[in-house]
Protein backbone atom coordinates (compact mmCIF):
# COMPACT_ATOMS: atom_id res chain seq x y z
CA UNK A 1 -7.99 139.71 58.88
CA UNK A 2 -6.59 141.52 55.92
CA UNK A 3 -4.64 139.84 53.17
CA UNK A 4 -1.44 141.67 54.21
CA UNK A 5 -1.63 140.40 57.80
CA UNK A 6 -2.14 136.82 56.69
CA UNK A 7 0.87 137.01 54.36
CA UNK A 8 3.06 138.23 57.30
CA UNK A 9 2.00 135.38 59.53
CA UNK A 10 2.70 132.75 56.86
CA UNK A 11 6.11 134.30 56.23
CA UNK A 12 7.13 134.06 59.94
CA UNK A 13 6.04 130.42 60.12
CA UNK A 14 8.12 129.60 57.07
CA UNK A 15 11.32 131.04 58.65
CA UNK A 16 11.21 129.29 62.08
CA UNK A 17 11.37 125.69 60.83
CA UNK A 18 14.48 126.13 58.66
CA UNK A 19 16.19 127.99 61.51
CA UNK A 20 15.45 125.15 63.95
CA UNK A 21 16.78 122.61 61.47
CA UNK A 22 19.90 124.70 60.93
CA UNK A 23 20.57 124.93 64.68
CA UNK A 24 20.08 121.17 65.10
CA UNK A 25 22.49 120.44 62.25
CA UNK A 26 25.10 122.84 63.63
CA UNK A 27 24.82 121.33 67.12
CA UNK A 28 25.11 117.82 65.68
CA UNK A 29 28.24 118.81 63.77
CA UNK A 30 29.75 120.41 66.86
CA UNK A 31 28.92 117.34 68.96
CA UNK A 32 30.42 114.99 66.37
CA UNK A 33 33.53 117.15 66.19
CA UNK A 34 33.80 117.06 69.97
CA UNK A 35 33.54 113.28 70.05
CA UNK A 36 36.09 112.99 67.24
CA UNK A 37 38.49 115.30 69.06
CA UNK A 38 38.06 113.38 72.31
CA UNK A 39 38.67 110.06 70.56
CA UNK A 40 41.76 111.43 68.87
CA UNK A 41 43.05 112.83 72.16
CA UNK A 42 42.44 109.50 73.90
CA UNK A 43 44.33 107.66 71.15
CA UNK A 44 47.28 110.06 71.35
CA UNK A 45 47.37 109.71 75.14
CA UNK A 46 47.11 105.91 74.93
CA UNK A 47 49.90 105.79 72.34
CA UNK A 48 52.17 107.94 74.49
CA UNK A 49 51.45 105.80 77.55
CA UNK A 50 52.08 102.56 75.64
CA UNK A 51 55.34 103.92 74.21
CA UNK A 52 56.50 104.82 77.72
CA UNK A 53 55.52 101.34 78.97
CA UNK A 54 57.49 99.71 76.15
CA UNK A 55 60.52 101.86 76.95
CA UNK A 56 60.28 100.88 80.62
CA UNK A 57 60.09 97.19 79.68
CA UNK A 58 63.12 97.47 77.41
CA UNK A 59 65.22 99.33 79.98
CA UNK A 60 64.18 96.99 82.81
CA UNK A 61 65.13 93.95 80.74
CA UNK A 62 68.49 95.49 79.89
CA UNK A 63 69.33 96.31 83.51
CA UNK A 64 68.18 92.90 84.79
CA UNK A 65 70.36 91.09 82.26
CA UNK A 66 73.43 93.18 83.08
CA UNK A 67 72.97 92.70 86.82
CA UNK A 68 71.75 89.09 86.97
CA UNK A 69 72.89 87.42 83.77
CA UNK A 70 73.61 84.12 85.54
CA UNK A 71 70.03 83.93 86.84
CA UNK A 72 68.85 83.51 83.24
CA UNK A 73 71.01 80.42 82.74
CA UNK A 74 74.14 82.03 81.30
CA UNK A 75 77.16 80.92 83.33
CA UNK A 76 79.97 81.15 80.75
CA UNK A 77 82.82 83.43 81.81
CA UNK A 78 83.43 85.41 79.69
CA UNK A 79 80.04 85.37 77.95
CA UNK A 80 79.63 83.50 74.68
CA UNK A 81 79.79 85.43 71.38
CA UNK A 82 76.00 85.52 71.38
CA UNK A 83 73.39 85.02 74.10
CA UNK A 84 69.67 85.75 74.02
CA UNK A 85 66.68 85.36 76.30
CA UNK A 86 63.13 86.59 76.79
CA UNK A 87 62.44 88.19 80.17
CA UNK A 88 58.79 88.14 81.20
CA UNK A 89 57.76 91.33 82.97
CA UNK A 90 54.54 92.79 84.27
CA UNK A 91 52.64 94.23 81.31
CA UNK A 92 54.88 92.72 78.64
CA UNK A 93 58.30 91.27 78.00
CA UNK A 94 61.81 92.15 76.87
CA UNK A 95 63.86 90.22 74.32
CA UNK A 96 67.50 90.69 75.32
CA UNK A 97 70.36 89.83 72.97
CA UNK A 98 74.05 90.01 73.87
CA UNK A 99 76.55 90.16 71.00
CA UNK A 100 80.32 90.10 71.28
CA UNK A 101 81.91 93.06 69.50
CA UNK A 102 85.58 92.92 70.48
CA UNK A 103 88.03 90.46 72.02
CA UNK A 104 91.40 91.08 73.65
CA UNK A 105 92.24 87.62 74.97
CA UNK A 106 95.71 88.62 76.16
CA UNK A 107 94.32 91.34 78.42
CA UNK A 108 91.20 89.24 79.13
CA UNK A 109 88.93 92.08 78.04
CA UNK A 110 85.79 91.36 76.07
CA UNK A 111 83.49 94.00 74.60
CA UNK A 112 79.77 93.45 74.02
CA UNK A 113 76.61 95.23 73.03
CA UNK A 114 73.44 94.29 74.90
CA UNK A 115 70.19 95.05 73.06
CA UNK A 116 66.81 94.92 74.76
CA UNK A 117 63.56 95.05 72.77
CA UNK A 118 60.56 95.79 74.99
CA UNK A 119 57.02 94.88 73.92
CA UNK A 120 53.92 95.99 75.81
CA UNK A 121 51.16 93.37 75.86
CA UNK A 122 48.59 95.56 77.62
CA UNK A 123 45.29 95.64 75.69
CA UNK A 124 45.34 98.62 73.33
CA UNK A 125 42.61 100.58 71.52
CA UNK A 126 41.08 98.90 68.48
CA UNK A 127 43.36 99.22 65.47
CA UNK A 128 46.40 100.16 67.54
CA UNK A 129 49.43 97.82 67.31
CA UNK A 130 51.42 96.70 70.37
CA UNK A 131 53.89 99.32 71.54
CA UNK A 132 57.57 98.40 71.07
CA UNK A 133 60.84 100.09 72.00
CA UNK A 134 64.50 99.10 71.73
CA UNK A 135 67.44 100.27 73.82
CA UNK A 136 71.06 99.10 73.85
CA UNK A 137 74.14 99.40 76.03
CA UNK A 138 77.79 98.82 75.19
CA UNK A 139 79.47 96.86 77.98
CA UNK A 140 82.73 95.19 78.96
CA UNK A 141 83.27 91.91 80.78
CA UNK A 142 85.09 93.15 83.86
CA UNK A 143 86.80 90.70 86.20
CA UNK A 144 86.81 91.47 89.90
CA UNK A 145 90.35 91.97 91.12
CA UNK A 146 91.86 90.95 94.43
CA UNK A 147 94.86 92.60 95.99
CA UNK A 148 97.48 89.90 96.55
CA UNK A 149 100.06 90.96 99.12
CA UNK A 150 101.72 87.58 99.51
CA UNK A 151 101.39 83.90 98.83
CA UNK A 152 100.01 83.65 102.38
CA UNK A 153 98.68 86.70 104.25
CA UNK A 154 97.71 86.14 107.88
CA UNK A 155 96.14 88.88 109.99
CA UNK A 156 96.72 86.72 113.08
CA UNK A 157 100.42 86.20 112.40
CA UNK A 158 102.13 83.05 111.11
CA UNK A 159 104.33 80.39 112.62
CA UNK A 160 106.27 77.90 110.47
CA UNK A 161 107.32 74.72 112.23
CA UNK A 162 110.36 73.06 110.70
CA UNK A 163 112.54 74.01 107.77
CA UNK A 164 110.82 71.88 105.14
CA UNK A 165 108.42 73.13 102.50
CA UNK A 166 108.03 76.37 100.59
CA UNK A 167 106.16 79.61 101.26
CA UNK A 168 106.80 81.68 98.16
CA UNK A 169 105.57 84.76 96.38
CA UNK A 170 107.10 83.71 93.05
CA UNK A 171 104.33 83.54 90.46
CA UNK A 172 103.67 79.88 89.73
CA UNK A 173 102.56 80.63 86.16
CA UNK A 174 105.16 83.30 85.42
CA UNK A 175 102.67 85.98 84.36
CA UNK A 176 102.95 88.46 87.24
CA UNK A 177 105.60 90.07 89.39
CA UNK A 178 106.82 88.33 92.51
CA UNK A 179 105.00 89.27 95.72
CA UNK A 180 105.95 88.65 99.33
CA UNK A 181 106.21 85.09 100.56
CA UNK A 182 104.16 85.85 103.68
CA UNK A 183 102.53 89.04 104.96
CA UNK A 184 101.74 89.58 108.65
CA UNK A 185 101.07 92.43 111.09
CA UNK A 186 103.98 93.56 113.25
CA UNK A 187 102.40 91.85 116.26
CA UNK A 188 102.31 88.87 116.47
CA UNK A 189 104.33 88.82 113.27
CA UNK A 190 106.15 85.79 111.81
CA UNK A 191 107.88 83.18 113.93
CA UNK A 192 109.72 79.94 113.26
CA UNK A 193 112.02 78.96 110.42
CA UNK A 194 112.60 81.54 107.69
CA UNK A 195 114.41 79.22 105.27
CA UNK A 196 111.22 78.09 103.49
CA UNK A 197 110.10 81.68 102.84
CA UNK A 198 110.84 83.35 99.49
CA UNK A 199 109.50 86.49 97.86
CA UNK A 200 109.93 90.24 97.48
CA UNK A 201 110.30 90.68 100.37
CA UNK A 202 110.22 87.20 101.91
CA UNK A 203 108.29 88.53 104.93
CA UNK A 204 106.16 91.67 104.54
CA UNK A 205 105.40 93.67 107.71
CA UNK A 206 101.88 95.12 107.45
CA UNK A 207 102.07 97.32 110.56
CA UNK A 208 99.28 97.47 113.13
CA UNK A 209 96.31 95.07 112.97
CA UNK A 210 94.18 97.91 111.61
CA UNK A 211 96.76 98.74 108.94
CA UNK A 212 97.10 95.07 108.06
CA UNK A 213 93.34 94.65 107.66
CA UNK A 214 93.14 97.75 105.47
CA UNK A 215 96.05 96.54 103.35
CA UNK A 216 94.17 93.42 102.25
CA UNK A 217 91.42 95.47 100.61
CA UNK A 218 88.89 92.85 101.75
CA UNK A 219 85.66 93.97 103.42
CA UNK A 220 85.22 90.74 105.38
CA UNK A 221 81.97 91.82 107.03
CA UNK A 222 80.45 92.48 103.60
CA UNK A 223 81.70 89.12 102.32
CA UNK A 224 80.36 86.93 105.14
CA UNK A 225 77.35 88.91 106.37
CA UNK A 226 76.09 91.18 103.59
CA UNK A 227 76.25 89.06 100.45
CA UNK A 228 79.04 90.98 98.74
CA UNK A 229 80.13 87.67 97.20
CA UNK A 230 77.44 85.23 96.08
CA UNK A 231 78.65 81.64 96.59
CA UNK A 232 77.74 78.84 94.23
CA UNK A 233 77.58 76.45 97.19
CA UNK A 234 77.10 77.17 100.89
CA UNK A 235 77.97 74.30 103.26
CA UNK A 236 75.86 73.61 105.22
CA UNK A 237 73.28 72.98 103.86
CA UNK A 238 75.03 72.14 100.60
CA UNK A 239 77.48 69.31 99.94
CA UNK A 240 81.12 69.27 98.88
CA UNK A 241 81.12 69.23 95.06
CA UNK A 242 82.75 66.93 92.52
CA UNK A 243 85.87 68.52 91.02
CA UNK A 244 86.40 65.99 88.22
CA UNK A 245 85.76 68.78 85.70
CA UNK A 246 88.98 70.86 85.60
CA UNK A 247 87.03 73.86 84.29
CA UNK A 248 84.76 73.98 87.32
CA UNK A 249 85.98 76.80 89.57
CA UNK A 250 83.13 77.52 92.00
CA UNK A 251 82.81 79.92 94.91
CA UNK A 252 82.28 77.79 98.03
CA UNK A 253 81.31 79.17 101.43
CA UNK A 254 82.04 76.97 104.47
CA UNK A 255 80.18 78.09 107.59
CA UNK A 256 82.07 77.51 110.84
CA UNK A 257 85.34 75.65 111.47
CA UNK A 258 86.31 73.13 108.81
CA UNK A 259 88.86 70.57 107.73
CA UNK A 260 89.27 70.73 103.95
CA UNK A 261 87.18 67.76 102.68
CA UNK A 262 89.28 67.19 99.58
CA UNK A 263 91.27 68.70 96.74
CA UNK A 264 89.65 71.29 94.51
CA UNK A 265 89.83 74.65 92.82
CA UNK A 266 88.03 77.98 92.91
CA UNK A 267 87.39 80.43 95.73
CA UNK A 268 87.01 79.02 99.25
CA UNK A 269 85.40 81.29 101.86
CA UNK A 270 85.58 79.90 105.41
CA UNK A 271 83.82 81.85 108.15
CA UNK A 272 85.78 80.04 110.89
CA UNK A 273 89.14 78.27 111.01
CA UNK A 274 90.42 75.90 108.32
CA UNK A 275 92.68 72.87 108.63
CA UNK A 276 94.32 71.25 105.60
CA UNK A 277 95.61 67.73 106.19
CA UNK A 278 97.53 65.17 104.17
CA UNK A 279 98.19 65.71 100.48
CA UNK A 280 95.10 67.80 99.74
CA UNK A 281 95.64 70.49 97.11
CA UNK A 282 93.78 73.71 96.44
CA UNK A 283 94.14 75.86 93.33
CA UNK A 284 92.75 79.38 93.59
CA UNK A 285 91.89 81.58 96.55
CA UNK A 286 91.36 80.73 100.22
CA UNK A 287 89.79 83.33 102.53
CA UNK A 288 89.57 82.15 106.13
CA UNK A 289 88.04 84.09 108.99
CA UNK A 290 89.96 82.14 111.61
CA UNK A 291 93.41 80.61 111.57
CA UNK A 292 94.62 78.23 108.90
CA UNK A 293 96.55 75.16 110.02
CA UNK A 294 98.37 73.18 107.35
CA UNK A 295 99.52 69.66 108.26
CA UNK A 296 101.27 67.27 105.92
CA UNK A 297 102.41 67.57 102.32
CA UNK A 298 99.59 69.70 100.96
CA UNK A 299 99.87 72.34 98.26
CA UNK A 300 98.03 75.61 97.68
CA UNK A 301 98.63 77.36 94.34
CA UNK A 302 97.00 80.79 94.28
CA UNK A 303 96.65 83.12 97.26
CA UNK A 304 95.68 82.67 100.92
CA UNK A 305 94.37 85.24 103.40
CA UNK A 306 93.63 83.99 106.93
CA UNK A 307 92.68 85.59 110.23
CA UNK A 308 90.10 87.86 108.60
CA UNK A 309 87.81 87.70 111.63
CA UNK A 310 90.19 90.24 113.16
CA UNK A 311 88.27 92.75 111.04
CA UNK A 312 85.12 91.78 112.96
CA UNK A 313 86.75 92.50 116.31
CA UNK A 314 87.40 88.86 117.20
CA UNK A 315 90.48 87.79 119.15
CA UNK A 316 92.37 84.94 117.50
CA UNK A 317 95.25 82.74 118.67
CA UNK A 318 98.59 84.35 117.92
CA UNK A 319 99.39 82.53 114.70
CA UNK A 320 98.27 80.49 111.74
CA UNK A 321 100.44 77.41 111.62
CA UNK A 322 102.39 75.76 108.85
CA UNK A 323 103.47 72.33 110.04
CA UNK A 324 105.76 70.01 108.06
CA UNK A 325 106.39 69.86 104.33
CA UNK A 326 104.06 71.90 102.18
CA UNK A 327 103.95 74.38 99.31
CA UNK A 328 102.06 77.67 99.51
CA UNK A 329 102.79 79.50 96.27
CA UNK A 330 101.33 82.59 94.66
CA UNK A 331 99.85 81.75 91.27
CA UNK A 332 98.34 84.66 89.35
CA UNK A 333 96.69 82.41 86.75
CA UNK A 334 94.82 80.46 89.42
CA UNK A 335 93.82 83.69 91.15
CA UNK A 336 92.46 85.04 87.86
CA UNK A 337 90.50 81.86 87.16
CA UNK A 338 89.07 81.87 90.67
CA UNK A 339 88.01 85.51 90.38
CA UNK A 340 86.40 84.94 86.97
CA UNK A 341 83.27 83.68 88.75
CA UNK A 342 82.90 87.12 90.29
CA UNK A 343 83.29 89.00 87.01
CA UNK A 344 80.33 90.85 85.54
CA UNK A 345 79.14 92.88 82.61
CA UNK A 346 79.70 96.57 83.25
CA UNK A 347 78.18 99.21 81.00
CA UNK A 348 80.41 101.88 79.51
CA UNK A 349 79.67 105.45 80.50
CA UNK A 350 77.81 107.47 77.84
CA UNK A 351 77.35 104.33 75.72
CA UNK A 352 73.59 103.83 76.05
CA UNK A 353 71.38 104.33 73.00
CA UNK A 354 67.62 104.29 72.45
CA UNK A 355 67.64 104.33 68.65
CA UNK A 356 69.12 100.90 68.01
CA UNK A 357 67.78 99.41 64.74
CA UNK A 358 65.43 96.45 65.20
CA UNK A 359 65.77 94.95 61.73
């Protein structure tokens, strides 16, 4: 082999090895870059997912508090100037804080802001902090209203025996306009003595049974069968409560026909008929599906609606009965206090924010 040929062969061998090394280095760099890009993409995706989870936790906590505040142990009506709780949720928790912003005691309107701070506790990538998000909603404490037609409204008519006692629509606390003394459908209407009846007008004719039922504004089927009103006590199986605390105004549901067990205050929902004997007194609202019979010298200060089972298609005797000396008087203050248990926080429209400061 000539010297020239040998030099060519050595030259080719010298080029191959550096080229192989160069290719290996380039491939290693490309592979490392690929892994780095994949890791970065995974981290971005995980961060986005965690942020969405934290937002969901915050919003869920906010909505749960607005809808079921009492289930977290807050029963004050209206709410206190400040309330806070931690709501445990799947995948994390939400710290909810309610703060009073405005008070109009005369109009009984109370403004609040409800802040919910959601924290995701799902295991994150190494070096990544827990995802957090805060949302807030401005809300008002809104009392549920009831349409009071008269001191005593009876969809099954009303009969007053004797000339003693008072059935009046004059406001017992002087805060609202006078309403009718009694309100009844045209048939069977009102019968008996009219002397005890006072109001504007004393006796209000509500028209047909269908018109009378519509006039009350009460969806009785929803109240007794669909949970439209959540009672504090249902009897049975519950027991008649102690009313020694004058600030205790519960919602009590009595299933079936009942005789009022004792004096009290609040909202009384009776699915059947109700009898009030002796000197028992009730302050607030009475809603009775059947007839209401009042015997003796009892007093009801608030508003009464009886015969509501007419809305369910039931046939009732022709009249609720008022026997003897008694006082059935409209009292707007007692109605308001009774309805306060059914008030709730209602969010203002277009008053939700997701950039509330957390410091």
